[in-house]
Amino acid sequence: MALFDVEPNGNVLRGETNMPEAKADLLKRLQAANVSFVDSIQVLPEAELEGKHQAIVTISVANLRSQPKHSAELATQATMGTPLKVWKKQNGWYLVQTPDQYLAWVDYGGVALMDQTAFNKWQQAKS
């Protein structure tokens, strides 16, 4: 699954995506059609994550939710050691993507964030 949540608000395009090529294609098509717009589409991962776009589940089973709150529907679960892509942070929750492509929210207490270098080192140590 991919994230492409974009909608117009007047001539302003607002939203977010984890697919920069899809955003580029949309903007190119709008320009080719001479549509006037202001680009306010955020490409994830968020800069606020400071390069820590990888995570590892650190508890036996992490509940991944459809929204960033404990009362939200359970989207899936991930077991200890599962690698996750991290797209953004919101109030102590991370929007993550599992190896089988589920997009869901996980509480900060169940994962360890790391940059690509640390993640690669972790993967090599796993073998």
C-alpha atoms as a PDB file:
ATOM      1  CA  MET A   1       0.000   0.000   0.000  1.00  0.00           C
ATOM      2  CA  ALA A   2       1.064   3.568  -0.567  1.00  0.00           C
ATOM      3  CA  LEU A   3       0.014   6.850   0.945  1.00  0.00           C
ATOM      4  CA  PHE A   4      -1.368   9.484  -1.392  1.00  0.00           C
ATOM      5  CA  ASP A   5      -3.820  11.684   0.507  1.00  0.00           C
ATOM      6  CA  VAL A   6      -4.115  14.877  -1.543  1.00  0.00           C
ATOM      7  CA  GLU A   7      -7.067  17.147  -2.088  1.00  0.00           C
ATOM      8  CA  PRO A   8      -7.634  20.618  -3.478  1.00  0.00           C
ATOM      9  CA  ASN A   9      -8.633  23.543  -1.275  1.00  0.00           C
ATOM     10  CA  GLY A  10      -9.384  26.221  -3.824  1.00  0.00           C
ATOM     11  CA  ASN A  11      -6.240  26.319  -5.955  1.00  0.00           C
ATOM     12  CA  VAL A  12      -4.057  24.914  -3.133  1.00  0.00           C
ATOM     13  CA  LEU A  13      -3.161  21.222  -3.206  1.00  0.00           C
ATOM     14  CA  ARG A  14      -2.902  19.983   0.383  1.00  0.00           C
ATOM     15  CA  GLY A  15      -2.018  16.605   1.771  1.00  0.00           C
ATOM     16  CA  GLU A  16       0.790  14.127   1.968  1.00  0.00           C
ATOM     17  CA  THR A  17       2.324  11.219   0.137  1.00  0.00           C
ATOM     18  CA  ASN A  18       5.166   8.750   0.503  1.00  0.00           C
ATOM     19  CA  MET A  19       5.482   8.545  -3.285  1.00  0.00           C
ATOM     20  CA  PRO A  20       7.452  11.531  -4.634  1.00  0.00           C
ATOM     21  CA  GLU A  21       7.101  10.224  -8.191  1.00  0.00           C
ATOM     22  CA  ALA A  22       3.285  10.247  -7.899  1.00  0.00           C
ATOM     23  CA  LYS A  23       3.353  13.848  -6.667  1.00  0.00           C
ATOM     24  CA  ALA A  24       5.670  14.841  -9.517  1.00  0.00           C
ATOM     25  CA  ASP A  25       3.383  13.140 -12.039  1.00  0.00           C
ATOM     26  CA  LEU A  26       0.302  14.921 -10.670  1.00  0.00           C
ATOM     27  CA  LEU A  27       2.010  18.322 -10.803  1.00  0.00           C
ATOM     28  CA  LYS A  28       3.285  17.662 -14.320  1.00  0.00           C
ATOM     29  CA  ARG A  29      -0.211  16.745 -15.532  1.00  0.00           C
ATOM     30  CA  LEU A  30      -1.754  19.829 -13.925  1.00  0.00           C
ATOM     31  CA  GLN A  31       0.893  22.055 -15.504  1.00  0.00           C
ATOM     32  CA  ALA A  32       0.338  20.423 -18.916  1.00  0.00           C
ATOM     33  CA  ALA A  33      -3.390  21.149 -18.568  1.00  0.00           C
ATOM     34  CA  ASN A  34      -2.598  24.792 -17.640  1.00  0.00           C
ATOM     35  CA  VAL A  35      -4.238  24.377 -14.244  1.00  0.00           C
ATOM     36  CA  SER A  36      -3.155  27.036 -11.754  1.00  0.00           C
ATOM     37  CA  PHE A  37      -2.255  25.607  -8.330  1.00  0.00           C
ATOM     38  CA  VAL A  38      -0.170  26.102  -5.218  1.00  0.00           C
ATOM     39  CA  ASP A  39       1.754  23.009  -4.132  1.00  0.00           C
ATOM     40  CA  SER A  40       1.380  22.321  -0.387  1.00  0.00           C
ATOM     41  CA  ILE A  41       1.784  18.553  -0.661  1.00  0.00           C
ATOM     42  CA  GLN A  42       4.200  17.161   1.906  1.00  0.00           C
ATOM     43  CA  VAL A  43       6.411  14.281   0.818  1.00  0.00           C
ATOM     44  CA  LEU A  44       7.034  11.804   3.619  1.00  0.00           C
ATOM     45  CA  PRO A  45       9.044  10.866   5.591  1.00  0.00           C
ATOM     46  CA  GLU A  46       8.742  14.001   7.704  1.00  0.00           C
ATOM     47  CA  ALA A  47      11.835  16.101   8.318  1.00  0.00           C
ATOM     48  CA  GLU A  48      10.875  16.093  12.021  1.00  0.00           C
ATOM     49  CA  LEU A  49      12.071  12.470  12.178  1.00  0.00           C
ATOM     50  CA  GLU A  50      15.628  13.770  11.638  1.00  0.00           C
ATOM     51  CA  GLY A  51      16.659  10.917   9.342  1.00  0.00           C
ATOM     52  CA  LYS A  52      15.291   8.181  11.586  1.00  0.00           C
ATOM     53  CA  HIS A  53      13.067   6.561   8.956  1.00  0.00           C
ATOM     54  CA  GLN A  54      13.541   2.976  10.117  1.00  0.00           C
ATOM     55  CA  ALA A  55      12.310   1.238  13.247  1.00  0.00           C
ATOM     56  CA  ILE A  56      12.399  -2.151  14.892  1.00  0.00           C
ATOM     57  CA  VAL A  57       9.591  -3.521  17.041  1.00  0.00           C
ATOM     58  CA  THR A  58      11.000  -3.883  20.564  1.00  0.00           C
ATOM     59  CA  ILE A  59       8.088  -5.538  22.371  1.00  0.00           C
ATOM     60  CA  SER A  60       6.679  -9.031  21.931  1.00  0.00           C
ATOM     61  CA  VAL A  61       3.668  -7.823  19.914  1.00  0.00           C
ATOM     62  CA  ALA A  62       3.025  -4.247  18.801  1.00  0.00           C
ATOM     63  CA  ASN A  63      -0.545  -3.279  17.995  1.00  0.00           C
ATOM     64  CA  LEU A  64      -0.703  -1.176  14.865  1.00  0.00           C
ATOM     65  CA  ARG A  65      -3.788   1.027  14.754  1.00  0.00           C
ATOM     66  CA  SER A  66      -5.796   2.682  11.982  1.00  0.00           C
ATOM     67  CA  GLN A  67      -5.485   6.055  13.744  1.00  0.00           C
ATOM     68  CA  PRO A  68      -2.962   7.435  16.245  1.00  0.00           C
ATOM     69  CA  LYS A  69      -4.883   6.463  19.397  1.00  0.00           C
ATOM     70  CA  HIS A  70      -5.265   3.344  21.511  1.00  0.00           C
ATOM     71  CA  SER A  71      -9.034   3.191  20.983  1.00  0.00           C
ATOM     72  CA  ALA A  72      -8.667   3.064  17.176  1.00  0.00           C
ATOM     73  CA  GLU A  73      -9.332  -0.078  15.166  1.00  0.00           C
ATOM     74  CA  LEU A  74      -6.530  -2.634  15.188  1.00  0.00           C
ATOM     75  CA  ALA A  75      -5.071  -2.640  11.657  1.00  0.00           C
ATOM     76  CA  THR A  76      -2.471  -5.361  12.179  1.00  0.00           C
ATOM     77  CA  GLN A  77       0.195  -6.502  14.586  1.00  0.00           C
ATOM     78  CA  ALA A  78       3.969  -6.784  14.370  1.00  0.00           C
ATOM     79  CA  THR A  79       6.176  -9.059  16.439  1.00  0.00           C
ATOM     80  CA  MET A  80       9.476  -8.280  18.114  1.00  0.00           C
ATOM     81  CA  GLY A  81      12.247  -7.653  15.602  1.00  0.00           C
ATOM     82  CA  THR A  82       9.955  -6.685  12.732  1.00  0.00           C
ATOM     83  CA  PRO A  83      11.519  -3.877  10.682  1.00  0.00           C
ATOM     84  CA  LEU A  84       9.269  -0.918   9.896  1.00  0.00           C
ATOM     85  CA  LYS A  85       9.495   2.125   7.641  1.00  0.00           C
ATOM     86  CA  VAL A  86       8.622   5.291   9.564  1.00  0.00           C
ATOM     87  CA  TRP A  87       6.774   8.025   7.689  1.00  0.00           C
ATOM     88  CA  LYS A  88       5.708  10.565  10.308  1.00  0.00           C
ATOM     89  CA  LYS A  89       5.177  11.321  13.995  1.00  0.00           C
ATOM     90  CA  GLN A  90       2.039  12.583  15.716  1.00  0.00           C
ATOM     91  CA  ASN A  91       1.575  12.942  19.477  1.00  0.00           C
ATOM     92  CA  GLY A  92       3.742  10.001  20.492  1.00  0.00           C
ATOM     93  CA  TRP A  93       2.610   7.799  17.600  1.00  0.00           C
ATOM     94  CA  TYR A  94       4.435   6.889  14.408  1.00  0.00           C
ATOM     95  CA  LEU A  95       2.887   6.206  11.036  1.00  0.00           C
ATOM     96  CA  VAL A  96       4.761   3.099   9.910  1.00  0.00           C
ATOM     97  CA  GLN A  97       4.738   0.611   7.071  1.00  0.00           C
ATOM     98  CA  THR A  98       5.260  -3.089   7.678  1.00  0.00           C
ATOM     99  CA  PRO A  99       7.241  -5.425   5.399  1.00  0.00           C
ATOM    100  CA  ASP A 100       3.908  -6.634   3.961  1.00  0.00           C
ATOM    101  CA  GLN A 101       3.058  -2.976   3.133  1.00  0.00           C
ATOM    102  CA  TYR A 102       0.408  -2.236   5.805  1.00  0.00           C
ATOM    103  CA  LEU A 103       0.289   1.435   6.782  1.00  0.00           C
ATOM    104  CA  ALA A 104      -0.707   1.938  10.409  1.00  0.00           C
ATOM    105  CA  TRP A 105       0.088   3.815  13.611  1.00  0.00           C
ATOM    106  CA  VAL A 106       2.239   2.422  16.411  1.00  0.00           C
ATOM    107  CA  ASP A 107       2.777   3.840  19.894  1.00  0.00           C
ATOM    108  CA  TYR A 108       6.314   5.163  20.463  1.00  0.00           C
ATOM    109  CA  GLY A 109       6.875   2.713  23.349  1.00  0.00           C
ATOM    110  CA  GLY A 110       6.867  -0.341  21.093  1.00  0.00           C
ATOM    111  CA  VAL A 111       9.585   0.603  18.624  1.00  0.00           C
ATOM    112  CA  ALA A 112      13.173   1.782  18.413  1.00  0.00           C
ATOM    113  CA  LEU A 113      13.780   4.418  15.728  1.00  0.00           C
ATOM    114  CA  MET A 114      17.063   4.481  13.854  1.00  0.00           C
ATOM    115  CA  ASP A 115      18.705   6.000  10.832  1.00  0.00           C
ATOM    116  CA  GLN A 116      19.637   3.930   7.776  1.00  0.00           C
ATOM    117  CA  THR A 117      23.216   3.325   8.982  1.00  0.00           C
ATOM    118  CA  ALA A 118      22.085   1.947  12.357  1.00  0.00           C
ATOM    119  CA  PHE A 119      19.364  -0.101  10.665  1.00  0.00           C
ATOM    120  CA  ASN A 120      21.863  -1.658   8.237  1.00  0.00           C
ATOM    121  CA  LYS A 121      24.178  -2.483  11.135  1.00  0.00           C
ATOM    122  CA  TRP A 122      21.269  -4.079  13.022  1.00  0.00           C
ATOM    123  CA  GLN A 123      20.331  -6.180   9.986  1.00  0.00           C
ATOM    124  CA  GLN A 124      23.897  -7.405   9.527  1.00  0.00           C
ATOM    125  CA  ALA A 125      24.172  -8.331  13.211  1.00  0.00           C
ATOM    126  CA  LYS A 126      20.942 -10.346  12.952  1.00  0.00           C
ATOM    127  CA  SER A 127      22.518 -12.989  10.694  1.00  0.00           C
END
